[in-house]
Amino acid sequence: MDNNIVQTVYDSLEAATTEIDKTKTEYAAIEAKIKEGRYSNQTLQKEIYPKRDALKAKIRDDSARAIKAAHDTIATYRADAEALSDLDPSAITDDVKILQAGVTLTARDIQAIINRNHDNRTMIQIALRYAKEHNIDMKGTYYIGGQQEKETANNLDGIVNYYAKWIDKENAHDILRRFFNVEG
């Protein structure tokens, strides 16, 4: 997986989980006060229960916000990765002259252009489009742009969806580290 996006999503969830833990600690303290049984019913109803309920809502809302932020980060990454397959005029090399020369090209010629431009998505797409337009069989050579990035984004979305069930639990940090294969 692309370590930058993975690390970014992990860091964001880890920070959010730490903040949620602080609210959970406050919530637990209020629950302990309730169990002590030393408050009147009126104090419980007017002060303690509303404070407890507000903390519970904060935990729920902060959890949802953290998961949404992680998904938004992944969506931005996915869009940026897809944009890498956009044709870039600055990436056009002199090999385009061969494609425009008007001479009959073979699959070997197209493959040579692809090999010379193996890290240039624009030239690979142009060469393969030329082959398709001229009915040149490239024998299984296809452009599959951004496949690794798509897989990374899909995997991260899956992890975040699953972590959403754990983010407000007692062992959330351990689960998060396990999901992201981070040693704790």
Protein backbone atom coordinates (compact mmCIF):
# COMPACT_ATOMS: atom_id res chain seq x y z
CA MET A 1 0.00 0.00 0.00
CA ASP A 2 1.04 3.59 -0.50
CA ASN A 3 2.61 4.40 2.85
CA ASN A 4 1.84 8.12 2.75
CA ILE A 5 -1.93 7.76 2.50
CA VAL A 6 -1.94 4.81 4.89
CA GLN A 7 0.09 6.78 7.43
CA THR A 8 -2.09 9.87 6.99
CA VAL A 9 -5.31 7.91 7.61
CA TYR A 10 -3.77 6.04 10.55
CA ASP A 11 -2.49 9.26 12.15
CA SER A 12 -5.86 10.96 11.78
CA LEU A 13 -7.74 8.02 13.32
CA GLU A 14 -5.17 7.66 16.07
CA ALA A 15 -5.46 11.34 17.03
CA ALA A 16 -9.26 11.17 16.97
CA THR A 17 -9.26 7.99 19.07
CA THR A 18 -7.06 9.72 21.66
CA GLU A 19 -9.51 12.63 21.87
CA ILE A 20 -12.46 10.24 22.12
CA ASP A 21 -10.66 8.43 24.94
CA LYS A 22 -10.55 11.67 26.92
CA THR A 23 -14.32 12.04 26.58
CA LYS A 24 -14.79 8.36 27.48
CA THR A 25 -12.80 8.97 30.68
CA GLU A 26 -15.12 11.84 31.61
CA TYR A 27 -18.12 9.64 30.80
CA ALA A 28 -16.78 6.82 32.99
CA ALA A 29 -16.28 9.25 35.88
CA ILE A 30 -19.90 10.37 35.66
CA GLU A 31 -21.10 6.76 35.46
CA ALA A 32 -19.11 6.06 38.64
CA LYS A 33 -20.78 9.04 40.35
CA ILE A 34 -24.19 7.69 39.39
CA LYS A 35 -23.34 4.27 40.83
CA GLU A 36 -22.19 5.80 44.12
CA GLY A 37 -25.82 6.47 44.91
CA ARG A 38 -25.13 9.62 46.91
CA TYR A 39 -27.02 12.02 44.64
CA SER A 40 -30.66 12.88 44.96
CA ASN A 41 -32.99 11.92 42.15
CA GLN A 42 -33.42 15.63 41.38
CA THR A 43 -29.63 16.18 41.07
CA LEU A 44 -29.35 13.11 38.88
CA GLN A 45 -32.19 14.26 36.63
CA LYS A 46 -31.13 17.93 36.36
CA GLU A 47 -27.32 17.73 36.42
CA ILE A 48 -25.74 14.31 36.19
CA TYR A 49 -27.84 12.56 33.53
CA PRO A 50 -27.78 15.52 31.10
CA LYS A 51 -24.00 15.78 31.45
CA ARG A 52 -23.64 12.02 30.90
CA ASP A 53 -25.95 12.09 27.88
CA ALA A 54 -24.04 15.04 26.38
CA LEU A 55 -20.76 13.14 26.73
CA LYS A 56 -22.28 10.05 25.15
CA ALA A 57 -23.49 12.17 22.21
CA LYS A 58 -20.04 13.77 21.93
CA ILE A 59 -18.39 10.35 21.75
CA ARG A 60 -20.85 9.28 19.05
CA ASP A 61 -20.47 12.52 17.06
CA ASP A 62 -16.68 12.65 17.36
CA SER A 63 -16.47 9.00 16.26
CA ALA A 64 -18.64 9.65 13.21
CA ARG A 65 -16.66 12.79 12.37
CA ALA A 66 -13.34 10.90 12.60
CA ILE A 67 -14.58 8.13 10.32
CA LYS A 68 -15.96 10.66 7.83
CA ALA A 69 -12.67 12.59 7.84
CA ALA A 70 -10.77 9.37 7.11
CA HIS A 71 -13.12 8.52 4.23
CA ASP A 72 -12.80 12.08 2.89
CA THR A 73 -9.00 11.80 2.95
CA ILE A 74 -9.22 8.51 1.05
CA ALA A 75 -11.64 10.02 -1.49
CA THR A 76 -9.21 12.88 -2.14
CA TYR A 77 -6.37 10.39 -2.58
CA ARG A 78 -8.52 8.35 -4.97
CA ALA A 79 -9.34 11.45 -7.07
CA ASP A 80 -5.69 12.53 -7.14
CA ALA A 81 -4.66 9.02 -8.20
CA GLU A 82 -7.24 8.98 -10.99
CA ALA A 83 -5.96 12.35 -12.20
CA LEU A 84 -2.56 10.73 -12.76
CA SER A 85 -4.10 8.96 -15.76
CA ASP A 86 -5.10 12.25 -17.37
CA LEU A 87 -3.06 12.97 -20.47
CA ASP A 88 -0.31 15.48 -19.67
CA PRO A 89 1.05 17.50 -22.61
CA SER A 90 4.32 18.11 -20.76
CA ALA A 91 4.87 14.33 -20.61
CA ILE A 92 4.79 13.88 -24.40
CA THR A 93 8.16 12.65 -25.63
CA ASP A 94 9.75 12.58 -29.07
CA ASP A 95 8.24 9.11 -29.52
CA VAL A 96 5.03 10.86 -30.53
CA LYS A 97 6.82 11.79 -33.79
CA ILE A 98 7.00 8.10 -34.66
CA LEU A 99 3.25 7.79 -34.14
CA GLN A 100 2.67 10.81 -36.39
CA ALA A 101 5.21 9.91 -39.09
CA GLY A 102 2.68 8.21 -41.34
CA VAL A 103 4.71 5.00 -41.56
CA THR A 104 3.21 1.62 -40.87
CA LEU A 105 4.05 0.56 -37.32
CA THR A 106 4.09 -2.96 -35.94
CA ALA A 107 3.25 -4.27 -32.51
CA ARG A 108 7.00 -4.44 -31.86
CA ASP A 109 7.33 -0.71 -32.65
CA ILE A 110 4.49 0.17 -30.28
CA GLN A 111 5.95 -2.10 -27.58
CA ALA A 112 9.32 -0.35 -27.96
CA ILE A 113 7.62 3.03 -27.40
CA ILE A 114 5.89 1.63 -24.33
CA ASN A 115 9.14 0.16 -23.01
CA ARG A 116 11.00 3.46 -23.45
CA ASN A 117 8.18 5.25 -21.63
CA HIS A 118 7.43 2.62 -18.98
CA ASP A 119 6.95 5.26 -16.27
CA ASN A 120 5.09 7.77 -18.46
CA ARG A 121 1.34 7.21 -18.27
CA THR A 122 0.61 9.75 -21.00
CA MET A 123 2.87 8.13 -23.60
CA ILE A 124 1.70 4.62 -22.75
CA GLN A 125 -1.93 5.68 -23.26
CA ILE A 126 -1.12 7.47 -26.52
CA ALA A 127 0.81 4.46 -27.88
CA LEU A 128 -1.95 2.03 -26.95
CA ARG A 129 -4.63 4.28 -28.42
CA TYR A 130 -2.62 4.43 -31.64
CA ALA A 131 -2.42 0.62 -31.66
CA LYS A 132 -6.17 0.32 -31.14
CA GLU A 133 -7.01 2.88 -33.85
CA HIS A 134 -4.77 1.05 -36.30
CA ASN A 135 -5.93 -2.45 -35.32
CA ILE A 136 -2.50 -3.46 -34.06
CA ASP A 137 -2.81 -6.45 -31.73
CA MET A 138 -0.70 -5.72 -28.67
CA LYS A 139 -1.08 -9.30 -27.41
CA GLY A 140 -2.28 -8.57 -23.90
CA THR A 141 -0.60 -5.22 -23.31
CA TYR A 142 -3.16 -2.91 -21.74
CA TYR A 143 -3.12 0.32 -19.82
CA ILE A 144 -4.40 -0.24 -16.31
CA GLY A 145 -3.71 3.15 -14.82
CA GLY A 146 -3.90 3.68 -11.11
CA GLN A 147 -4.83 0.09 -10.29
CA GLN A 148 -2.54 -0.05 -7.26
CA GLU A 149 -3.86 3.28 -5.99
CA LYS A 150 -7.46 2.10 -6.42
CA GLU A 151 -6.70 -1.06 -4.47
CA THR A 152 -5.04 0.97 -1.71
CA ALA A 153 -8.03 3.30 -1.47
CA ASN A 154 -10.50 0.41 -1.47
CA ASN A 155 -8.53 -1.45 1.20
CA LEU A 156 -8.35 1.66 3.36
CA ASP A 157 -12.08 2.28 2.99
CA GLY A 158 -12.68 -1.28 4.18
CA ILE A 159 -10.38 -0.88 7.18
CA VAL A 160 -12.02 2.43 8.13
CA ASN A 161 -15.50 0.92 7.79
CA TYR A 162 -14.52 -1.92 10.10
CA TYR A 163 -12.73 0.38 12.56
CA ALA A 164 -15.89 2.49 12.80
CA LYS A 165 -17.29 -0.34 14.94
CA TRP A 166 -14.31 -0.12 17.32
CA ILE A 167 -13.38 3.57 17.54
CA ASP A 168 -15.35 4.17 20.75
CA LYS A 169 -14.46 0.87 22.43
CA GLU A 170 -12.06 0.37 25.34
CA ASN A 171 -9.34 -1.29 23.24
CA ALA A 172 -9.69 1.03 20.22
CA HIS A 173 -5.98 1.90 20.05
CA ASP A 174 -4.97 -1.77 20.04
CA ILE A 175 -7.50 -2.57 17.32
CA LEU A 176 -6.36 0.42 15.24
CA ARG A 177 -2.72 -0.64 15.48
CA ARG A 178 -3.68 -4.20 14.53
CA PHE A 179 -5.73 -3.05 11.52
CA PHE A 180 -2.85 -0.89 10.26
CA ASN A 181 -0.17 -3.42 11.24
CA VAL A 182 1.54 -0.94 13.56
CA GLU A 183 3.50 -2.23 16.51
CA GLY A 184 2.39 -0.74 19.79
